[in-house]
């Protein structure tokens, strides 16, 4: 027994000694690591100001890009002025009011004539929307915003009014256009922006209840009471949406100078029209009581491609303003950063509370335009008399046939006024990742609703949707706005001089976007094994117009301020995100960046991604690139010890590496001289465009 006790005590003593040695060794390692970390911190602190100074010089390209965009907008306005092509300047209230008033007064325009005029109207609406989106917030007063939005609404209303008047003119001649076989009139007019189908019930045969268009996949199944009435059915499919109310423009940002020495800059922003010729200024002057019609010469036109500009004009126009532009640079820099940060801000609460059957316009998007379905009273037909055509014109114009009638006490509504079956052809330029749903416009409540619609069936191969409506009116197809969020992965890599390819992979699709100086292009959209949206591929557009175009096509990978209420996202600090995107854009001409699974593990104050030097000018990706894993907190960048195949997450620093205050200097530690030289001479518009696309996709928060 005594021997066993001695043996036990000896083992315990050995274990204690061993434990003490291990603890001492651990403490010694920790002390060494702590001293090493302190040395690294001291080294980083010593060079921090220099690194931030170098980064500031590089980031001047954002200020320069913004200055160039302002010059381009000014030049675009001047170009429109000297063209004198008769079209109004959408930014000038007086010109828009004159255009709208003159068009209202025009009479007896046929559908073909209205369609021709509608091309200009849609162009003006598009320009006004781009002005609101592209103009820096300091250049947009609340009065200007109200002016532009008012012009948009007026143009939309007049355009629809003209379509109604043209429909009335067409229906007055229904008897002369009647089909010889059926005795009824059928008319189809197609254009790139609208599709019209009109059917006039001239025979009033109660057995003729099934109506089918021979040229398109359009049809109606009407009840007996309509088949025996003096009515016409109209489908006006506008490939755009002028029904949904305009979204409010974000609050105007105000720049507050940091010191009194910058007080001159405010005046410089308010009066930049000095850059335009005196002739243009004098011609645009208005009396004081009409000051709301004055043209602010910095109001936007569509951004002009650099290669389309007259370099001599830009040089001479702004030569005298160069000192003033230099004074504006600090202000432009602050406003540029503020605007970029605003793209990443999340709304603190939902837009508003939506009723049970009301469509949440933040959660769903209307796609493929609006189908205006109408039952119309057949107007009196024109009659030939002694070589003349006698036409009775009703004072109230085109009238809708009320179905079902407001008073139905004498009938069983379900039997006498059943729902109307509708078959529609889905627009070919729109992608639906799931079966589309249908919403109807409630004119009284001014919103889209989903009640009163039943028996929805979608045949994807034929792109045909059928449903039943209690009463006809404007309808649209809807899809979940965030169906492609969150993303599964992403990659950004250069493939040519001042060109990068951004690839975003979602649950349903792989989207590839090419970005170059001030322009973006859809390279490809792969859904399963099919390549979709070929009609958009290969078309270069300005970044904002590109984003709008993709969203209207059903391909939304651009979160908005309300998206976090509808998507399970990976929350990140907006300031950290902004700094990361800006520095990635600066480095994008020579380095590829990629998604990392560890970005989900590092918390909201940091982002983690892969980076690899990429100097080849080949569109095909490099096989098995040598990725390096970086972590960035906005103020510190370091190279991680782990990689994508590691089993557990760790923020441990990779051996024999240091950390830096910027991504630029962190990557410089292991990059080649050739790569860093390429980064030092970027195109300003290219860097700005890459940064804007990263800010709009928010790849760190939504993947």
Foldseek 3Di string as FASTA:
>chain_A
DVVVVVVVVVVVVVVVVVVVVVVVVVVVVVVVVVVVVVVLVVVQVVCFVVVVVVVVVLLLLQLVLVVVQLLQFLQVVVVVVVVPPVQFDLQFLVSLVVVLVVLLPDDDDAPVRLVVVVVSLVVSLVFLVCLLVVFQLLLADPLSLCSSLVSNLSSLVSSVVVVQRNVLVVLLAQQVQADPPPSWHWDWDDDPFKTKIKIWLPPLDLVPQWDADPVDGKIKGFHSVLSNAGKMKMKIFGQAAPQARDDDRPHRDDDDDPDPVLVVLSVCSQQVCQLPDPVVQVVQDDDPVVVSRGRRSSRGGFRDDPVPDDVVSSCVSCVVVVVSSVSCSVVSVVSSLVVLLQLVAADPDDPDDDDDFFDDCQFKPFARGKIFIFMWRRAHHWDDDPNDTRTDADPVGIGGDDAPDPDDPVHDCCVRRNWMKIKDAGDQLADALDDWAKWFADPVVSGTGRPQKADWDADVVRRMIMITGSDGGMMTTMHGLQPFWQWPKWKWAAQAAQKIWIWTHGPFWIWIWIFGQQWIFTQWIQGPNDTPNPVRGPDIGGLVVVQVSCVNRVNHLFDGNHCVVPGPWQAADSLQLLQVLLVCLLLRNFKMKIDAPCLSVPHRQKGKIWMATDDHNHPDDDPPTDIWIWMTRQQKIATACDDRPDPDDDRDGNPPAHMHRHPLVRVVVPDDPVSNVSSSDGNSSSSNRSSVVCSRSVNSITD
